[in-house]
Amino acid sequence: MGKTIIDCEINRSYLVKKLHTTGSLRQRLISFGILKGTQIKYLASTKMHATYEIQVGKMIIALRQEEAMKIEVVENEAN
């Protein structure tokens, strides 16, 4: 697996390359609009990196570290 959200830089945009999950977690991420080709922006993480805050469209979402590790991303050329 390549770069995931936990490897990203704050205030940079990325494109979702692949979701490395199945079942209810996959459906939950898709329901937030997180799917292949979607642009996301990494906003912040907690001090202990337990949760990660991303922006998808106009929505801001908090993900647990285990969830953020399942989302493979690539650098958005527009940065």
PDB file of N, CA and C in Angstrom:
ATOM      1  N   MET A   1       0.854  -1.178   0.000  1.00  0.00           N
ATOM      2  CA  MET A   1       0.000   0.000   0.000  1.00  0.00           C
ATOM      3  C   MET A   1       0.895   1.235   0.000  1.00  0.00           C
ATOM      4  N   GLY A   2       0.429   2.281  -0.669  1.00  0.00           N
ATOM      5  CA  GLY A   2       1.172   3.535  -0.757  1.00  0.00           C
ATOM      6  C   GLY A   2       0.882   4.448   0.417  1.00  0.00           C
ATOM      7  N   LYS A   3       0.886   5.729   0.154  1.00  0.00           N
ATOM      8  CA  LYS A   3       0.672   6.768   1.158  1.00  0.00           C
ATOM      9  C   LYS A   3      -0.776   6.759   1.633  1.00  0.00           C
ATOM     10  N   THR A   4      -0.965   6.879   2.938  1.00  0.00           N
ATOM     11  CA  THR A   4      -2.310   6.967   3.506  1.00  0.00           C
ATOM     12  C   THR A   4      -2.473   8.327   4.186  1.00  0.00           C
ATOM     13  N   ILE A   5      -3.643   8.588   4.698  1.00  0.00           N
ATOM     14  CA  ILE A   5      -3.913   9.880   5.338  1.00  0.00           C
ATOM     15  C   ILE A   5      -2.936  10.162   6.475  1.00  0.00           C
ATOM     16  N   ILE A   6      -2.517   9.138   7.192  1.00  0.00           N
ATOM     17  CA  ILE A   6      -1.608   9.388   8.317  1.00  0.00           C
ATOM     18  C   ILE A   6      -0.226   9.852   7.859  1.00  0.00           C
ATOM     19  N   ASP A   7       0.079   9.691   6.585  1.00  0.00           N
ATOM     20  CA  ASP A   7       1.365  10.124   6.035  1.00  0.00           C
ATOM     21  C   ASP A   7       1.295  11.521   5.413  1.00  0.00           C
ATOM     22  N   CYS A   8       0.127  12.127   5.412  1.00  0.00           N
ATOM     23  CA  CYS A   8      -0.100  13.392   4.704  1.00  0.00           C
ATOM     24  C   CYS A   8       0.392  14.603   5.494  1.00  0.00           C
ATOM     25  N   GLU A   9       0.529  15.710   4.772  1.00  0.00           N
ATOM     26  CA  GLU A   9       0.904  16.987   5.372  1.00  0.00           C
ATOM     27  C   GLU A   9      -0.354  17.824   5.603  1.00  0.00           C
ATOM     28  N   ILE A  10      -0.388  18.514   6.720  1.00  0.00           N
ATOM     29  CA  ILE A  10      -1.530  19.351   7.080  1.00  0.00           C
ATOM     30  C   ILE A  10      -1.729  20.452   6.035  1.00  0.00           C
ATOM     31  N   ASN A  11      -2.996  20.729   5.739  1.00  0.00           N
ATOM     32  CA  ASN A  11      -3.439  21.774   4.797  1.00  0.00           C
ATOM     33  C   ASN A  11      -3.031  21.512   3.352  1.00  0.00           C
ATOM     34  N   ARG A  12      -2.868  20.251   3.002  1.00  0.00           N
ATOM     35  CA  ARG A  12      -2.594  19.875   1.607  1.00  0.00           C
ATOM     36  C   ARG A  12      -3.731  19.011   1.096  1.00  0.00           C
ATOM     37  N   SER A  13      -3.965  19.085  -0.197  1.00  0.00           N
ATOM     38  CA  SER A  13      -5.030  18.314  -0.825  1.00  0.00           C
ATOM     39  C   SER A  13      -4.468  17.047  -1.461  1.00  0.00           C
ATOM     40  N   TYR A  14      -5.266  16.012  -1.423  1.00  0.00           N
ATOM     41  CA  TYR A  14      -4.895  14.703  -1.964  1.00  0.00           C
ATOM     42  C   TYR A  14      -6.091  14.112  -2.699  1.00  0.00           C
ATOM     43  N   LEU A  15      -5.819  13.161  -3.559  1.00  0.00           N
ATOM     44  CA  LEU A  15      -6.875  12.405  -4.222  1.00  0.00           C
ATOM     45  C   LEU A  15      -6.890  11.001  -3.655  1.00  0.00           C
ATOM     46  N   VAL A  16      -8.090  10.496  -3.399  1.00  0.00           N
ATOM     47  CA  VAL A  16      -8.216   9.130  -2.903  1.00  0.00           C
ATOM     48  C   VAL A  16      -7.862   8.180  -4.042  1.00  0.00           C
ATOM     49  N   LYS A  17      -6.912   7.298  -3.776  1.00  0.00           N
ATOM     50  CA  LYS A  17      -6.492   6.323  -4.774  1.00  0.00           C
ATOM     51  C   LYS A  17      -7.237   5.007  -4.593  1.00  0.00           C
ATOM     52  N   LYS A  18      -7.395   4.578  -3.324  1.00  0.00           N
ATOM     53  CA  LYS A  18      -8.046   3.293  -3.062  1.00  0.00           C
ATOM     54  C   LYS A  18      -8.459   3.197  -1.605  1.00  0.00           C
ATOM     55  N   LEU A  19      -9.578   2.517  -1.355  1.00  0.00           N
ATOM     56  CA  LEU A  19     -10.006   2.197   0.001  1.00  0.00           C
ATOM     57  C   LEU A  19      -9.593   0.756   0.282  1.00  0.00           C
ATOM     58  N   HIS A  20      -8.805   0.550   1.308  1.00  0.00           N
ATOM     59  CA  HIS A  20      -8.334  -0.787   1.669  1.00  0.00           C
ATOM     60  C   HIS A  20      -9.186  -1.347   2.807  1.00  0.00           C
ATOM     61  N   THR A  21     -10.469  -1.458   2.549  1.00  0.00           N
ATOM     62  CA  THR A  21     -11.391  -1.969   3.555  1.00  0.00           C
ATOM     63  C   THR A  21     -12.628  -2.541   2.873  1.00  0.00           C
ATOM     64  N   THR A  22     -13.394  -3.285   3.633  1.00  0.00           N
ATOM     65  CA  THR A  22     -14.638  -3.884   3.139  1.00  0.00           C
ATOM     66  C   THR A  22     -15.730  -3.713   4.186  1.00  0.00           C
ATOM     67  N   GLY A  23     -16.892  -4.176   3.851  1.00  0.00           N
ATOM     68  CA  GLY A  23     -17.989  -4.225   4.811  1.00  0.00           C
ATOM     69  C   GLY A  23     -18.498  -2.872   5.252  1.00  0.00           C
ATOM     70  N   SER A  24     -18.872  -2.802   6.535  1.00  0.00           N
ATOM     71  CA  SER A  24     -19.535  -1.605   7.053  1.00  0.00           C
ATOM     72  C   SER A  24     -18.618  -0.388   7.061  1.00  0.00           C
ATOM     73  N   LEU A  25     -17.325  -0.570   7.318  1.00  0.00           N
ATOM     74  CA  LEU A  25     -16.419   0.580   7.290  1.00  0.00           C
ATOM     75  C   LEU A  25     -16.327   1.153   5.880  1.00  0.00           C
ATOM     76  N   ARG A  26     -16.239   0.295   4.885  1.00  0.00           N
ATOM     77  CA  ARG A  26     -16.197   0.764   3.496  1.00  0.00           C
ATOM     78  C   ARG A  26     -17.468   1.556   3.164  1.00  0.00           C
ATOM     79  N   GLN A  27     -18.613   1.025   3.554  1.00  0.00           N
ATOM     80  CA  GLN A  27     -19.879   1.714   3.301  1.00  0.00           C
ATOM     81  C   GLN A  27     -19.948   3.052   4.030  1.00  0.00           C
ATOM     82  N   ARG A  28     -19.408   3.103   5.244  1.00  0.00           N
ATOM     83  CA  ARG A  28     -19.399   4.350   6.011  1.00  0.00           C
ATOM     84  C   ARG A  28     -18.548   5.403   5.305  1.00  0.00           C
ATOM     85  N   LEU A  29     -17.358   5.020   4.851  1.00  0.00           N
ATOM     86  CA  LEU A  29     -16.485   5.965   4.150  1.00  0.00           C
ATOM     87  C   LEU A  29     -17.136   6.457   2.863  1.00  0.00           C
ATOM     88  N   ILE A  30     -17.740   5.549   2.126  1.00  0.00           N
ATOM     89  CA  ILE A  30     -18.426   5.931   0.885  1.00  0.00           C
ATOM     90  C   ILE A  30     -19.587   6.878   1.184  1.00  0.00           C
ATOM     91  N   SER A  31     -20.300   6.639   2.276  1.00  0.00           N
ATOM     92  CA  SER A  31     -21.424   7.511   2.632  1.00  0.00           C
ATOM     93  C   SER A  31     -20.952   8.933   2.940  1.00  0.00           C
ATOM     94  N   PHE A  32     -19.687   9.087   3.355  1.00  0.00           N
ATOM     95  CA  PHE A  32     -19.090  10.407   3.580  1.00  0.00           C
ATOM     96  C   PHE A  32     -18.574  11.021   2.286  1.00  0.00           C
ATOM     97  N   GLY A  33     -18.652  10.281   1.188  1.00  0.00           N
ATOM     98  CA  GLY A  33     -18.148  10.782  -0.086  1.00  0.00           C
ATOM     99  C   GLY A  33     -16.689  10.451  -0.325  1.00  0.00           C
ATOM    100  N   ILE A  34     -16.124   9.586   0.504  1.00  0.00           N
ATOM    101  CA  ILE A  34     -14.725   9.204   0.364  1.00  0.00           C
ATOM    102  C   ILE A  34     -14.656   7.975  -0.538  1.00  0.00           C
ATOM    103  N   LEU A  35     -14.325   8.214  -1.798  1.00  0.00           N
ATOM    104  CA  LEU A  35     -14.187   7.120  -2.752  1.00  0.00           C
ATOM    105  C   LEU A  35     -13.130   7.475  -3.779  1.00  0.00           C
ATOM    106  N   LYS A  36     -12.744   6.508  -4.581  1.00  0.00           N
ATOM    107  CA  LYS A  36     -11.656   6.693  -5.545  1.00  0.00           C
ATOM    108  C   LYS A  36     -11.887   7.941  -6.387  1.00  0.00           C
ATOM    109  N   GLY A  37     -10.836   8.771  -6.478  1.00  0.00           N
ATOM    110  CA  GLY A  37     -10.897   9.981  -7.285  1.00  0.00           C
ATOM    111  C   GLY A  37     -11.357  11.224  -6.550  1.00  0.00           C
ATOM    112  N   THR A  38     -11.863  11.063  -5.339  1.00  0.00           N
ATOM    113  CA  THR A  38     -12.350  12.200  -4.561  1.00  0.00           C
ATOM    114  C   THR A  38     -11.188  13.008  -4.007  1.00  0.00           C
ATOM    115  N   GLN A  39     -11.312  14.324  -4.065  1.00  0.00           N
ATOM    116  CA  GLN A  39     -10.299  15.185  -3.455  1.00  0.00           C
ATOM    117  C   GLN A  39     -10.611  15.353  -1.980  1.00  0.00           C
ATOM    118  N   ILE A  40      -9.595  15.195  -1.146  1.00  0.00           N
ATOM    119  CA  ILE A  40      -9.729  15.439   0.285  1.00  0.00           C
ATOM    120  C   ILE A  40      -8.633  16.404   0.706  1.00  0.00           C
ATOM    121  N   LYS A  41      -8.853  17.074   1.813  1.00  0.00           N
ATOM    122  CA  LYS A  41      -7.835  17.958   2.375  1.00  0.00           C
ATOM    123  C   LYS A  41      -7.599  17.534   3.816  1.00  0.00           C
ATOM    124  N   TYR A  42      -6.348  17.285   4.137  1.00  0.00           N
ATOM    125  CA  TYR A  42      -5.979  16.895   5.498  1.00  0.00           C
ATOM    126  C   TYR A  42      -5.850  18.158   6.335  1.00  0.00           C
ATOM    127  N   LEU A  43      -6.647  18.274   7.393  1.00  0.00           N
ATOM    128  CA  LEU A  43      -6.694  19.492   8.186  1.00  0.00           C
ATOM    129  C   LEU A  43      -5.892  19.429   9.481  1.00  0.00           C
ATOM    130  N   ALA A  44      -5.996  18.320  10.212  1.00  0.00           N
ATOM    131  CA  ALA A  44      -5.351  18.247  11.525  1.00  0.00           C
ATOM    132  C   ALA A  44      -5.422  16.835  12.081  1.00  0.00           C
ATOM    133  N   SER A  45      -4.644  16.625  13.134  1.00  0.00           N
ATOM    134  CA  SER A  45      -4.770  15.386  13.903  1.00  0.00           C
ATOM    135  C   SER A  45      -4.619  15.737  15.379  1.00  0.00           C
ATOM    136  N   THR A  46      -5.079  14.849  16.230  1.00  0.00           N
ATOM    137  CA  THR A  46      -4.914  15.077  17.659  1.00  0.00           C
ATOM    138  C   THR A  46      -3.446  14.891  18.016  1.00  0.00           C
ATOM    139  N   LYS A  47      -3.074  15.360  19.158  1.00  0.00           N
ATOM    140  CA  LYS A  47      -1.672  15.322  19.587  1.00  0.00           C
ATOM    141  C   LYS A  47      -1.085  13.910  19.546  1.00  0.00           C
ATOM    142  N   MET A  48      -1.861  12.935  19.942  1.00  0.00           N
ATOM    143  CA  MET A  48      -1.392  11.536  19.965  1.00  0.00           C
ATOM    144  C   MET A  48      -1.740  10.797  18.671  1.00  0.00           C
ATOM    145  N   HIS A  49      -2.212  11.516  17.669  1.00  0.00           N
ATOM    146  CA  HIS A  49      -2.591  10.958  16.366  1.00  0.00           C
ATOM    147  C   HIS A  49      -3.653   9.846  16.486  1.00  0.00           C
ATOM    148  N   ALA A  50      -4.564  10.035  17.411  1.00  0.00           N
ATOM    149  CA  ALA A  50      -5.658   9.076  17.571  1.00  0.00           C
ATOM    150  C   ALA A  50      -6.758   9.327  16.557  1.00  0.00           C
ATOM    151  N   THR A  51      -6.964  10.600  16.188  1.00  0.00           N
ATOM    152  CA  THR A  51      -7.958  10.938  15.173  1.00  0.00           C
ATOM    153  C   THR A  51      -7.373  11.927  14.177  1.00  0.00           C
ATOM    154  N   TYR A  52      -7.920  11.877  12.968  1.00  0.00           N
ATOM    155  CA  TYR A  52      -7.475  12.724  11.868  1.00  0.00           C
ATOM    156  C   TYR A  52      -8.685  13.464  11.305  1.00  0.00           C
ATOM    157  N   GLU A  53      -8.524  14.744  11.057  1.00  0.00           N
ATOM    158  CA  GLU A  53      -9.611  15.569  10.538  1.00  0.00           C
ATOM    159  C   GLU A  53      -9.337  15.864   9.065  1.00  0.00           C
ATOM    160  N   ILE A  54     -10.314  15.508   8.228  1.00  0.00           N
ATOM    161  CA  ILE A  54     -10.186  15.769   6.796  1.00  0.00           C
ATOM    162  C   ILE A  54     -11.410  16.523   6.306  1.00  0.00           C
ATOM    163  N   GLN A  55     -11.234  17.194   5.186  1.00  0.00           N
ATOM    164  CA  GLN A  55     -12.345  17.876   4.547  1.00  0.00           C
ATOM    165  C   GLN A  55     -12.646  17.170   3.231  1.00  0.00           C
ATOM    166  N   VAL A  56     -13.920  16.840   3.045  1.00  0.00           N
ATOM    167  CA  VAL A  56     -14.404  16.241   1.801  1.00  0.00           C
ATOM    168  C   VAL A  56     -15.511  17.161   1.305  1.00  0.00           C
ATOM    169  N   GLY A  57     -15.243  17.885   0.226  1.00  0.00           N
ATOM    170  CA  GLY A  57     -16.203  18.897  -0.213  1.00  0.00           C
ATOM    171  C   GLY A  57     -16.314  19.967   0.855  1.00  0.00           C
ATOM    172  N   LYS A  58     -17.523  20.231   1.312  1.00  0.00           N
ATOM    173  CA  LYS A  58     -17.733  21.214   2.376  1.00  0.00           C
ATOM    174  C   LYS A  58     -17.848  20.563   3.749  1.00  0.00           C
ATOM    175  N   MET A  59     -17.767  19.236   3.795  1.00  0.00           N
ATOM    176  CA  MET A  59     -17.946  18.489   5.037  1.00  0.00           C
ATOM    177  C   MET A  59     -16.595  18.203   5.700  1.00  0.00           C
ATOM    178  N   ILE A  60     -16.542  18.371   7.015  1.00  0.00           N
ATOM    179  CA  ILE A  60     -15.338  18.045   7.784  1.00  0.00           C
ATOM    180  C   ILE A  60     -15.627  16.778   8.575  1.00  0.00           C
ATOM    181  N   ILE A  61     -14.718  15.811   8.454  1.00  0.00           N
ATOM    182  CA  ILE A  61     -14.909  14.479   9.030  1.00  0.00           C
ATOM    183  C   ILE A  61     -13.732  14.140   9.930  1.00  0.00           C
ATOM    184  N   ALA A  62     -14.019  13.535  11.072  1.00  0.00           N
ATOM    185  CA  ALA A  62     -12.968  13.029  11.960  1.00  0.00           C
ATOM    186  C   ALA A  62     -12.920  11.509  11.801  1.00  0.00           C
ATOM    187  N   LEU A  63     -11.728  11.006  11.547  1.00  0.00           N
ATOM    188  CA  LEU A  63     -11.520   9.565  11.384  1.00  0.00           C
ATOM    189  C   LEU A  63     -10.575   9.049  12.457  1.00  0.00           C
ATOM    190  N   ARG A  64     -10.839   7.842  12.941  1.00  0.00           N
ATOM    191  CA  ARG A  64      -9.894   7.192  13.838  1.00  0.00           C
ATOM    192  C   ARG A  64      -8.641   6.823  13.052  1.00  0.00           C
ATOM    193  N   GLN A  65      -7.544   6.664  13.749  1.00  0.00           N
ATOM    194  CA  GLN A  65      -6.283   6.321  13.085  1.00  0.00           C
ATOM    195  C   GLN A  65      -6.426   5.050  12.243  1.00  0.00           C
ATOM    196  N   GLU A  66      -7.108   4.038  12.776  1.00  0.00           N
ATOM    197  CA  GLU A  66      -7.285   2.771  12.049  1.00  0.00           C
ATOM    198  C   GLU A  66      -8.042   2.983  10.739  1.00  0.00           C
ATOM    199  N   GLU A  67      -8.994   3.918  10.740  1.00  0.00           N
ATOM    200  CA  GLU A  67      -9.756   4.225   9.532  1.00  0.00           C
ATOM    201  C   GLU A  67      -8.909   5.009   8.535  1.00  0.00           C
ATOM    202  N   ALA A  68      -8.166   5.993   9.042  1.00  0.00           N
ATOM    203  CA  ALA A  68      -7.329   6.827   8.183  1.00  0.00           C
ATOM    204  C   ALA A  68      -6.252   6.000   7.483  1.00  0.00           C
ATOM    205  N   MET A  69      -5.792   4.956   8.132  1.00  0.00           N
ATOM    206  CA  MET A  69      -4.765   4.084   7.561  1.00  0.00           C
ATOM    207  C   MET A  69      -5.298   3.233   6.403  1.00  0.00           C
ATOM    208  N   LYS A  70      -6.593   3.153   6.245  1.00  0.00           N
ATOM    209  CA  LYS A  70      -7.216   2.341   5.192  1.00  0.00           C
ATOM    210  C   LYS A  70      -7.471   3.136   3.916  1.00  0.00           C
ATOM    211  N   ILE A  71      -7.181   4.447   3.941  1.00  0.00           N
ATOM    212  CA  ILE A  71      -7.457   5.301   2.792  1.00  0.00           C
ATOM    213  C   ILE A  71      -6.136   5.674   2.118  1.00  0.00           C
ATOM    214  N   GLU A  72      -5.888   5.074   0.963  1.00  0.00           N
ATOM    215  CA  GLU A  72      -4.671   5.358   0.206  1.00  0.00           C
ATOM    216  C   GLU A  72      -4.900   6.606  -0.646  1.00  0.00           C
ATOM    217  N   VAL A  73      -3.928   7.503  -0.632  1.00  0.00           N
ATOM    218  CA  VAL A  73      -4.058   8.770  -1.349  1.00  0.00           C
ATOM    219  C   VAL A  73      -2.819   9.041  -2.196  1.00  0.00           C
ATOM    220  N   VAL A  74      -2.992   9.958  -3.149  1.00  0.00           N
ATOM    221  CA  VAL A  74      -1.872  10.475  -3.947  1.00  0.00           C
ATOM    222  C   VAL A  74      -1.934  11.989  -3.895  1.00  0.00           C
ATOM    223  N   GLU A  75      -0.798  12.604  -4.046  1.00  0.00           N
ATOM    224  CA  GLU A  75      -0.699  14.068  -4.029  1.00  0.00           C
ATOM    225  C   GLU A  75      -1.568  14.651  -5.140  1.00  0.00           C
ATOM    226  N   ASN A  76      -2.292  15.703  -4.821  1.00  0.00           N
ATOM    227  CA  ASN A  76      -3.086  16.411  -5.826  1.00  0.00           C
ATOM    228  C   ASN A  76      -2.159  17.391  -6.538  1.00  0.00           C
ATOM    229  N   GLU A  77      -2.097  17.313  -7.831  1.00  0.00           N
ATOM    230  CA  GLU A  77      -1.203  18.157  -8.622  1.00  0.00           C
ATOM    231  C   GLU A  77      -1.503  19.650  -8.462  1.00  0.00           C
ATOM    232  N   ALA A  78      -2.703  19.987  -7.991  1.00  0.00           N
ATOM    233  CA  ALA A  78      -3.111  21.395  -7.845  1.00  0.00           C
ATOM    234  C   ALA A  78      -2.487  22.072  -6.630  1.00  0.00           C
ATOM    235  N   ASN A  79      -1.786  21.326  -5.759  1.00  0.00           N
ATOM    236  CA  ASN A  79      -1.205  21.912  -4.546  1.00  0.00           C
ATOM    237  C   ASN A  79      -0.209  22.975  -4.855  1.00  0.00           C
TER     238      ASN A  79
END
